[in-house]
Amino acid sequence: MKKGFHTLALFILIRTTGQKTTICILTPGYAQLSDIYIMIFTRKIFFGFLVSLEKMLNIL
């Protein structure tokens, strides 16, 4: 696992507009081209992602 992967969860900005959820993840020390990754999920997928992220953090 690359360095800064666990930092992912510390810098999550969530914006909800309409039926799409935009997640701006700031990962200092992890990103090479840009510090900002923007992922767009539908709410169903986002909540699945959130649960998986929470489980991952419990392991860390």
N, C-alpha and C. Protein backbone atom coordinates (compact mmCIF):
# COMPACT_ATOMS: atom_id res chain seq x y z
N MET A 1 0.84 -1.20 0.00
CA MET A 1 0.00 0.00 0.00
C MET A 1 0.88 1.25 0.00
N LYS A 2 0.57 2.17 -0.88
CA LYS A 2 1.40 3.37 -1.01
C LYS A 2 1.24 4.31 0.18
N LYS A 3 2.28 5.08 0.39
CA LYS A 3 2.28 6.04 1.49
C LYS A 3 1.21 7.11 1.23
N GLY A 4 0.50 7.48 2.27
CA GLY A 4 -0.51 8.53 2.12
C GLY A 4 -1.89 7.99 1.81
N PHE A 5 -2.01 6.67 1.70
CA PHE A 5 -3.31 6.08 1.37
C PHE A 5 -4.28 6.27 2.53
N HIS A 6 -3.77 6.11 3.75
CA HIS A 6 -4.61 6.29 4.93
C HIS A 6 -4.91 7.75 5.20
N THR A 7 -4.14 8.64 4.56
CA THR A 7 -4.38 10.08 4.70
C THR A 7 -5.63 10.47 3.94
N LEU A 8 -6.01 9.59 3.01
CA LEU A 8 -7.16 9.80 2.14
C LEU A 8 -8.41 10.24 2.92
N ALA A 9 -8.71 9.51 3.98
CA ALA A 9 -9.94 9.72 4.73
C ALA A 9 -9.93 11.03 5.52
N LEU A 10 -8.74 11.55 5.77
CA LEU A 10 -8.64 12.75 6.58
C LEU A 10 -9.01 14.01 5.82
N PHE A 11 -8.97 13.92 4.50
CA PHE A 11 -9.21 15.12 3.70
C PHE A 11 -10.32 14.91 2.68
N ILE A 12 -11.51 14.59 3.18
CA ILE A 12 -12.62 14.37 2.26
C ILE A 12 -13.65 15.49 2.35
N LEU A 13 -13.85 16.15 1.24
CA LEU A 13 -14.87 17.20 1.18
C LEU A 13 -16.02 16.65 0.36
N ILE A 14 -17.20 16.73 0.90
CA ILE A 14 -18.33 16.14 0.21
C ILE A 14 -19.34 17.20 -0.22
N ARG A 15 -19.64 17.19 -1.48
CA ARG A 15 -20.67 18.10 -1.99
C ARG A 15 -21.76 17.28 -2.65
N THR A 16 -22.98 17.51 -2.25
CA THR A 16 -24.07 16.79 -2.85
C THR A 16 -24.92 17.73 -3.69
N THR A 17 -25.02 17.42 -4.98
CA THR A 17 -25.84 18.24 -5.85
C THR A 17 -26.73 17.34 -6.68
N GLY A 18 -28.03 17.51 -6.55
CA GLY A 18 -28.96 16.70 -7.31
C GLY A 18 -28.83 15.23 -6.95
N GLN A 19 -28.59 14.39 -7.97
CA GLN A 19 -28.50 12.95 -7.72
C GLN A 19 -27.05 12.48 -7.72
N LYS A 20 -26.13 13.41 -7.84
CA LYS A 20 -24.72 13.03 -7.87
C LYS A 20 -23.99 13.56 -6.64
N THR A 21 -23.05 12.79 -6.17
CA THR A 21 -22.26 13.23 -5.04
C THR A 21 -20.83 13.42 -5.50
N THR A 22 -20.31 14.62 -5.34
CA THR A 22 -18.94 14.89 -5.76
C THR A 22 -18.02 14.83 -4.55
N ILE A 23 -17.02 13.98 -4.63
CA ILE A 23 -16.08 13.86 -3.52
C ILE A 23 -14.74 14.43 -3.94
N CYS A 24 -14.30 15.47 -3.27
CA CYS A 24 -12.98 16.03 -3.55
C CYS A 24 -12.02 15.50 -2.50
N ILE A 25 -11.08 14.69 -2.92
CA ILE A 25 -10.15 14.11 -1.97
C ILE A 25 -8.78 14.76 -2.10
N LEU A 26 -8.33 15.38 -1.02
CA LEU A 26 -7.01 16.01 -1.02
C LEU A 26 -6.03 15.04 -0.38
N THR A 27 -5.02 14.64 -1.14
CA THR A 27 -4.08 13.67 -0.60
C THR A 27 -2.65 14.17 -0.72
N PRO A 28 -2.20 14.99 0.22
CA PRO A 28 -0.82 15.47 0.21
C PRO A 28 0.15 14.32 0.42
N GLY A 29 1.18 14.24 -0.39
CA GLY A 29 2.16 13.18 -0.25
C GLY A 29 1.77 11.93 -1.01
N TYR A 30 0.61 11.93 -1.63
CA TYR A 30 0.17 10.76 -2.37
C TYR A 30 0.02 11.07 -3.85
N ALA A 31 -0.54 12.24 -4.13
CA ALA A 31 -0.76 12.62 -5.51
C ALA A 31 0.54 13.11 -6.13
N GLN A 32 0.72 12.83 -7.41
CA GLN A 32 1.92 13.26 -8.10
C GLN A 32 1.60 14.39 -9.07
N LEU A 33 0.56 14.21 -9.86
CA LEU A 33 0.19 15.23 -10.84
C LEU A 33 -0.60 16.35 -10.19
N SER A 34 -1.46 15.98 -9.26
CA SER A 34 -2.30 16.98 -8.60
C SER A 34 -2.71 16.48 -7.22
N ASP A 35 -2.93 17.40 -6.29
CA ASP A 35 -3.33 17.01 -4.94
C ASP A 35 -4.82 16.71 -4.88
N ILE A 36 -5.52 17.11 -5.94
CA ILE A 36 -6.97 16.99 -5.88
C ILE A 36 -7.50 15.92 -6.83
N TYR A 37 -8.18 14.96 -6.29
CA TYR A 37 -8.85 13.94 -7.08
C TYR A 37 -10.35 14.16 -6.94
N ILE A 38 -11.03 14.24 -8.06
CA ILE A 38 -12.47 14.43 -7.98
C ILE A 38 -13.19 13.21 -8.54
N MET A 39 -13.94 12.56 -7.68
CA MET A 39 -14.68 11.38 -8.11
C MET A 39 -16.17 11.62 -7.97
N ILE A 40 -16.90 11.21 -8.97
CA ILE A 40 -18.34 11.39 -8.92
C ILE A 40 -19.03 10.03 -8.82
N PHE A 41 -19.78 9.85 -7.76
CA PHE A 41 -20.51 8.61 -7.55
C PHE A 41 -22.00 8.90 -7.50
N THR A 42 -22.78 7.92 -7.83
CA THR A 42 -24.20 8.05 -7.53
C THR A 42 -24.29 7.82 -6.03
N ARG A 43 -25.36 8.22 -5.40
CA ARG A 43 -25.45 8.11 -3.95
C ARG A 43 -25.33 6.66 -3.48
N LYS A 44 -25.90 5.75 -4.23
CA LYS A 44 -25.87 4.34 -3.84
C LYS A 44 -24.43 3.83 -3.79
N ILE A 45 -23.68 4.15 -4.83
CA ILE A 45 -22.28 3.73 -4.90
C ILE A 45 -21.45 4.45 -3.85
N PHE A 46 -21.78 5.73 -3.62
CA PHE A 46 -21.03 6.53 -2.65
C PHE A 46 -21.16 5.96 -1.24
N PHE A 47 -22.38 5.59 -0.86
CA PHE A 47 -22.57 5.04 0.47
C PHE A 47 -21.85 3.70 0.61
N GLY A 48 -21.82 2.94 -0.48
CA GLY A 48 -21.07 1.69 -0.49
C GLY A 48 -19.59 1.96 -0.29
N PHE A 49 -19.10 3.04 -0.93
CA PHE A 49 -17.71 3.44 -0.83
C PHE A 49 -17.39 3.91 0.58
N LEU A 50 -18.34 4.66 1.15
CA LEU A 50 -18.16 5.20 2.50
C LEU A 50 -18.06 4.09 3.53
N VAL A 51 -18.90 3.07 3.38
CA VAL A 51 -18.88 1.92 4.28
C VAL A 51 -17.56 1.17 4.15
N SER A 52 -17.11 0.97 2.91
CA SER A 52 -15.86 0.26 2.67
C SER A 52 -14.69 1.04 3.26
N LEU A 53 -14.73 2.37 3.11
CA LEU A 53 -13.67 3.22 3.63
C LEU A 53 -13.63 3.15 5.15
N GLU A 54 -14.81 3.12 5.75
CA GLU A 54 -14.91 3.05 7.21
C GLU A 54 -14.34 1.72 7.72
N LYS A 55 -14.65 0.63 7.02
CA LYS A 55 -14.12 -0.68 7.39
C LYS A 55 -12.61 -0.71 7.24
N MET A 56 -12.11 -0.05 6.18
CA MET A 56 -10.68 -0.01 5.92
C MET A 56 -9.97 0.75 7.04
N LEU A 57 -10.59 1.82 7.52
CA LEU A 57 -9.99 2.62 8.59
C LEU A 57 -9.95 1.85 9.90
N ASN A 58 -10.92 0.98 10.12
CA ASN A 58 -10.93 0.17 11.34
C ASN A 58 -9.77 -0.81 11.35
N ILE A 59 -9.39 -1.26 10.15
CA ILE A 59 -8.26 -2.18 10.02
C ILE A 59 -6.96 -1.43 10.29
N LEU A 60 -6.88 -0.20 9.78
CA LEU A 60 -5.70 0.63 10.01
C LEU A 60 -5.76 1.17 11.44
